[in-house]
N, C-alpha and C. Protein backbone atom coordinates (compact mmCIF):
# COMPACT_ATOMS: atom_id res chain seq x y z
N UNK A 1 286.65 23.11 -31.03
CA UNK A 1 287.34 21.84 -30.90
C UNK A 1 286.31 20.74 -30.75
N UNK A 2 286.48 19.73 -31.53
CA UNK A 2 285.56 18.61 -31.44
C UNK A 2 286.28 17.45 -30.77
N UNK A 3 285.53 16.77 -29.93
CA UNK A 3 286.09 15.61 -29.24
C UNK A 3 285.31 14.37 -29.63
N UNK A 4 285.59 13.34 -28.94
CA UNK A 4 284.89 12.09 -29.15
C UNK A 4 283.46 12.24 -28.62
N UNK A 5 282.44 12.03 -29.46
CA UNK A 5 281.07 12.22 -29.00
C UNK A 5 280.63 11.22 -27.94
N UNK A 6 281.36 10.11 -27.81
CA UNK A 6 281.00 9.12 -26.81
C UNK A 6 281.51 9.50 -25.42
N UNK A 7 282.47 10.41 -25.36
CA UNK A 7 282.98 10.86 -24.07
C UNK A 7 282.15 12.04 -23.60
N UNK A 8 281.68 11.97 -22.38
CA UNK A 8 280.88 13.06 -21.84
C UNK A 8 281.74 14.24 -21.44
N UNK A 9 281.13 15.40 -21.38
CA UNK A 9 281.85 16.60 -20.98
C UNK A 9 281.74 16.84 -19.49
N UNK A 10 280.97 16.03 -18.79
CA UNK A 10 280.79 16.22 -17.36
C UNK A 10 279.58 17.05 -17.03
N UNK A 11 279.10 17.85 -17.96
CA UNK A 11 277.94 18.70 -17.71
C UNK A 11 276.63 18.06 -18.13
N UNK A 12 276.73 16.91 -18.77
CA UNK A 12 275.53 16.25 -19.25
C UNK A 12 275.03 15.27 -18.19
N UNK A 13 273.71 15.12 -18.12
CA UNK A 13 273.15 14.17 -17.16
C UNK A 13 272.67 12.94 -17.91
N UNK A 14 272.71 11.84 -17.24
CA UNK A 14 272.31 10.59 -17.84
C UNK A 14 270.79 10.49 -17.87
N UNK A 15 270.23 10.01 -18.97
CA UNK A 15 268.78 9.79 -19.01
C UNK A 15 268.32 8.76 -17.98
N UNK A 16 269.21 7.81 -17.65
CA UNK A 16 268.86 6.83 -16.63
C UNK A 16 268.68 7.47 -15.27
N UNK A 17 269.48 8.46 -14.96
CA UNK A 17 269.36 9.15 -13.67
C UNK A 17 268.01 9.85 -13.57
N UNK A 18 267.58 10.50 -14.64
CA UNK A 18 266.27 11.16 -14.63
C UNK A 18 265.13 10.16 -14.55
N UNK A 19 265.33 9.01 -15.17
CA UNK A 19 264.31 7.97 -15.10
C UNK A 19 264.18 7.43 -13.68
N UNK A 20 265.30 7.24 -13.00
CA UNK A 20 265.28 6.77 -11.62
C UNK A 20 264.61 7.79 -10.71
N UNK A 21 264.96 9.05 -10.88
CA UNK A 21 264.34 10.11 -10.08
C UNK A 21 262.84 10.16 -10.34
N UNK A 22 262.46 10.02 -11.60
CA UNK A 22 261.04 10.03 -11.94
C UNK A 22 260.27 8.87 -11.33
N UNK A 23 260.87 7.69 -11.34
CA UNK A 23 260.21 6.53 -10.74
C UNK A 23 260.04 6.71 -9.24
N UNK A 24 261.06 7.19 -8.57
CA UNK A 24 260.98 7.39 -7.12
C UNK A 24 259.98 8.48 -6.75
N UNK A 25 260.04 9.59 -7.44
CA UNK A 25 259.09 10.67 -7.15
C UNK A 25 257.67 10.30 -7.54
N UNK A 26 257.54 9.57 -8.63
CA UNK A 26 256.21 9.13 -9.06
C UNK A 26 255.56 8.23 -8.03
N UNK A 27 256.34 7.30 -7.49
CA UNK A 27 255.81 6.42 -6.45
C UNK A 27 255.39 7.20 -5.21
N UNK A 28 256.23 8.15 -4.80
CA UNK A 28 255.89 8.98 -3.64
C UNK A 28 254.64 9.82 -3.88
N UNK A 29 254.57 10.43 -5.05
CA UNK A 29 253.42 11.29 -5.34
C UNK A 29 252.12 10.51 -5.47
N UNK A 30 252.16 9.39 -6.16
CA UNK A 30 250.93 8.62 -6.37
C UNK A 30 250.44 8.02 -5.06
N UNK A 31 251.30 7.28 -4.39
CA UNK A 31 250.85 6.61 -3.17
C UNK A 31 250.67 7.57 -2.00
N UNK A 32 251.50 8.63 -1.95
CA UNK A 32 251.27 9.66 -0.94
C UNK A 32 249.96 10.39 -1.19
N UNK A 33 249.63 10.63 -2.45
CA UNK A 33 248.36 11.26 -2.80
C UNK A 33 247.17 10.39 -2.45
N UNK A 34 247.30 9.09 -2.69
CA UNK A 34 246.23 8.17 -2.32
C UNK A 34 246.05 8.17 -0.80
N UNK A 35 247.15 8.15 -0.06
CA UNK A 35 247.07 8.21 1.40
C UNK A 35 246.45 9.50 1.88
N UNK A 36 246.82 10.61 1.26
CA UNK A 36 246.25 11.91 1.61
C UNK A 36 244.74 11.92 1.37
N UNK A 37 244.34 11.43 0.22
CA UNK A 37 242.90 11.41 -0.09
C UNK A 37 242.13 10.48 0.85
N UNK A 38 242.72 9.35 1.21
CA UNK A 38 242.06 8.46 2.17
C UNK A 38 241.93 9.13 3.54
N UNK A 39 242.97 9.85 3.96
CA UNK A 39 242.88 10.59 5.22
C UNK A 39 241.73 11.58 5.21
N UNK A 40 241.60 12.33 4.14
CA UNK A 40 240.54 13.34 4.06
C UNK A 40 239.16 12.71 3.96
N UNK A 41 239.08 11.62 3.21
CA UNK A 41 237.79 10.97 2.99
C UNK A 41 237.29 10.29 4.27
N UNK A 42 238.22 9.64 5.00
CA UNK A 42 237.82 8.91 6.19
C UNK A 42 237.89 9.75 7.47
N UNK A 43 238.38 10.97 7.37
CA UNK A 43 238.39 11.88 8.52
C UNK A 43 239.58 11.72 9.45
N UNK A 44 240.64 11.07 9.00
CA UNK A 44 241.84 10.96 9.83
C UNK A 44 242.73 12.17 9.61
N UNK A 45 243.57 12.42 10.60
CA UNK A 45 244.47 13.57 10.51
C UNK A 45 245.72 13.23 9.68
N UNK A 46 246.39 12.19 10.06
CA UNK A 46 247.60 11.79 9.32
C UNK A 46 247.88 10.32 9.57
N UNK A 47 247.01 9.48 9.10
CA UNK A 47 247.21 8.05 9.27
C UNK A 47 247.68 7.41 7.96
N UNK A 48 246.96 7.65 6.90
CA UNK A 48 247.27 6.98 5.64
C UNK A 48 248.33 7.70 4.80
N UNK A 49 248.54 8.98 5.04
CA UNK A 49 249.57 9.70 4.28
C UNK A 49 250.96 9.12 4.53
N UNK A 50 251.40 8.94 5.78
CA UNK A 50 252.72 8.33 5.97
C UNK A 50 252.80 6.90 5.45
N UNK A 51 251.70 6.16 5.59
CA UNK A 51 251.68 4.79 5.06
C UNK A 51 251.83 4.83 3.54
N UNK A 52 251.13 5.75 2.89
CA UNK A 52 251.22 5.88 1.44
C UNK A 52 252.61 6.30 0.99
N UNK A 53 253.24 7.19 1.74
CA UNK A 53 254.60 7.62 1.38
C UNK A 53 255.60 6.47 1.52
N UNK A 54 255.44 5.67 2.56
CA UNK A 54 256.33 4.53 2.74
C UNK A 54 256.12 3.50 1.63
N UNK A 55 254.86 3.21 1.33
CA UNK A 55 254.56 2.27 0.25
C UNK A 55 255.10 2.79 -1.08
N UNK A 56 254.95 4.10 -1.34
CA UNK A 56 255.45 4.69 -2.57
C UNK A 56 256.97 4.63 -2.67
N UNK A 57 257.66 4.88 -1.56
CA UNK A 57 259.12 4.82 -1.57
C UNK A 57 259.60 3.40 -1.81
N UNK A 58 258.97 2.45 -1.15
CA UNK A 58 259.36 1.05 -1.34
C UNK A 58 259.04 0.59 -2.76
N UNK A 59 257.86 0.95 -3.25
CA UNK A 59 257.47 0.57 -4.60
C UNK A 59 258.36 1.19 -5.67
N UNK A 60 258.69 2.46 -5.52
CA UNK A 60 259.58 3.12 -6.47
C UNK A 60 260.97 2.52 -6.47
N UNK A 61 261.47 2.23 -5.28
CA UNK A 61 262.79 1.60 -5.17
C UNK A 61 262.77 0.21 -5.80
N UNK A 62 261.70 -0.53 -5.56
CA UNK A 62 261.56 -1.87 -6.14
C UNK A 62 261.54 -1.80 -7.67
N UNK A 63 260.82 -0.83 -8.22
CA UNK A 63 260.79 -0.69 -9.67
C UNK A 63 262.16 -0.34 -10.25
N UNK A 64 262.91 0.51 -9.55
CA UNK A 64 264.26 0.86 -10.00
C UNK A 64 265.15 -0.36 -9.98
N UNK A 65 265.07 -1.14 -8.91
CA UNK A 65 265.90 -2.35 -8.81
C UNK A 65 265.56 -3.33 -9.91
N UNK A 66 264.27 -3.57 -10.12
CA UNK A 66 263.86 -4.52 -11.16
C UNK A 66 264.29 -4.03 -12.54
N UNK A 67 264.08 -2.75 -12.81
CA UNK A 67 264.36 -2.23 -14.15
C UNK A 67 265.85 -2.21 -14.48
N UNK A 68 266.67 -1.76 -13.53
CA UNK A 68 268.07 -1.57 -13.84
C UNK A 68 268.94 -2.76 -13.46
N UNK A 69 268.47 -3.64 -12.60
CA UNK A 69 269.22 -4.86 -12.33
C UNK A 69 269.12 -5.81 -13.51
N UNK A 70 267.96 -5.86 -14.15
CA UNK A 70 267.79 -6.69 -15.34
C UNK A 70 268.55 -6.12 -16.53
N UNK A 71 268.70 -4.81 -16.57
CA UNK A 71 269.41 -4.18 -17.70
C UNK A 71 270.91 -4.48 -17.65
N UNK A 72 271.45 -4.69 -16.45
CA UNK A 72 272.88 -4.96 -16.34
C UNK A 72 273.24 -6.40 -16.65
N UNK A 73 272.29 -7.31 -16.51
CA UNK A 73 272.60 -8.73 -16.75
C UNK A 73 272.67 -9.04 -18.22
């Protein structure tokens, strides 16, 4: 049975959802990694890693807002 190709079957995921997940995880991984490396390089136990994770989460969220808020207008 063939249906309307524009109607989803419910089992398909949106490419936008994967893009959002990628942006958020990318921000966390990059800035968390930078924080981790700074901790190891400067001899701290866990100072820059949490700062990097927070910066990455905020940056990833900001990129999602900028990218998809402009797309809706």
